[in-house]
Amino acid sequence: MKTVRFISLAILLTSLLAACAGPVSVPPTPDVNAIVAQTLQALTAGPVATPLASTPTPGLLPRSLYFLNADAAAHAQIFRLAPDGVTLKQVTAEPTEVKYYDVNQVNGRIVYISNNQMLLINSDGSGRQVLLDGGPVDENNPFLTNIQSAVWSPNGETIAYGYGGLNLYAVATGVSNRVLENQLDDVGGGFIVPREMYWPDRFSPDGTKLLITLGYYEGASAAIYYPAANSLVRLSGAEGAMICCGEEEWNTDSSTLFAANPSMGMFSSGLWRINAANGQVSTLLPGDAGNGTFNFADEPFYAPDGQLYFFFANLPTTQEFVSHPPLQLVRAAADGVSGRTLLSPDTFTLMNEALWSPDASFVIVAIAPSDQIYEGGRAEIVYTDGRPRVVLVSFAKEMKWGP
């Protein structure tokens, strides 16, 4: 699973810049307020939490599907769709929106952030408890008190979260340990400027590594944290690559990450591989193909068959900014080039998000209702063997598998 994080990065940059005195020069960005308003309008328009299939199909999904959707009060909540593709349950009922969440792959418990609290709940909605209360948010310096992201370790024993830095919470003891402290500068006048901040994105499958986001005054990047050694591996190489904000995917043996970007503007488009041991970034598909065309890639998934599945387009363009290009589903060797094969004639122009099945037999895509919506959309199953697509729900974002 990976949601397009461009909107999140834009909001982060906007909030940081608004909190700091003095003029600064930043790359052009979309109208964040308009994007947020349009996304919320799409999220809350109509009974979007209703499955579109009418008859349960046993085994349609390998596991329960979790996602964010609007409740009756127009607040984003966590929903669970059963493997039959029809049985739907609203798991949370918070008075404010759920911003982040993750599902324990051992027992299905969910950690999530709402109202600047980190909470824990069972998969059936019972057993709600508050693990951390971040208190009121300082509007001038929101990053000082914001709880940013929370993710489970694969064994379900640890929760990594961002709050004043990177923290590891031991579920068995309830003890939290801050392992990386946010680096902040006081510029006077009640304003604090972030030099470097840390929050988690995803543990490696073997649990020995943690992909994290590095947040800066202008922009963001990624790094790999090793909990056992309390060490941080920073990325190097492939300048201009879009390597940040949860847009990376681990391979099965936890040695490598793949990242892709289907847009041009603040970052280059393309496809990259990251060595988790030393942080070296290698370009598999450069944004500029060198022949007047550009490569666009998205949602890479290294499958158990040793092949790399992703969405791809090679297009001529004279535009400085490109978003929502017409991507197609392909399969290739691990280099992203050798034996690249088109798996479907369909194009995915408005895809905001995708969640791969564990065996790569299908991918669930979230198709936006318009090109002005940058998060979530209609959730559809797209099979890699050419079977007809299956529509699941009319709107979902932040899709994740349960156990």
Foldseek 3Di string as FASTA:
>chain_A
DFFDCLLVQVVVLVLLVQLDDDDDDAFDDPPSVLQVVVQLCQQPPPPQQAWPDDDFDPQCAPFKKWFWGQDPVSATFIKIAGRRLGDIDTQDDDPHHWDEKEAQQPQGWMWTADPQWTWIAHNNNPDIDTLDHLPDADSSERLQRHKAYWYAQNVRQWIWTFHQAIWIAGPVVSDIDHLGGFAWDDPDPPGIATQWGWTFQDAANVRQKTKIWIDHNHGIAIWIAGVVVSDIAEADDPPQAPHGDNQWDAANVRQKIKHAAQKATSGAGAIWMAGNVHRYIDGLAGQDNPPQKGKHWGDWYQAPVQKIKTWIDIGHDPDRIDAQDFTFIWIAHPSCPHPIDGQDPHTQRQWRDWAARRHNQWIWTFGPPDNSHNFWAFTWIDGSNPDDIGTRTGTGGPMDGHD
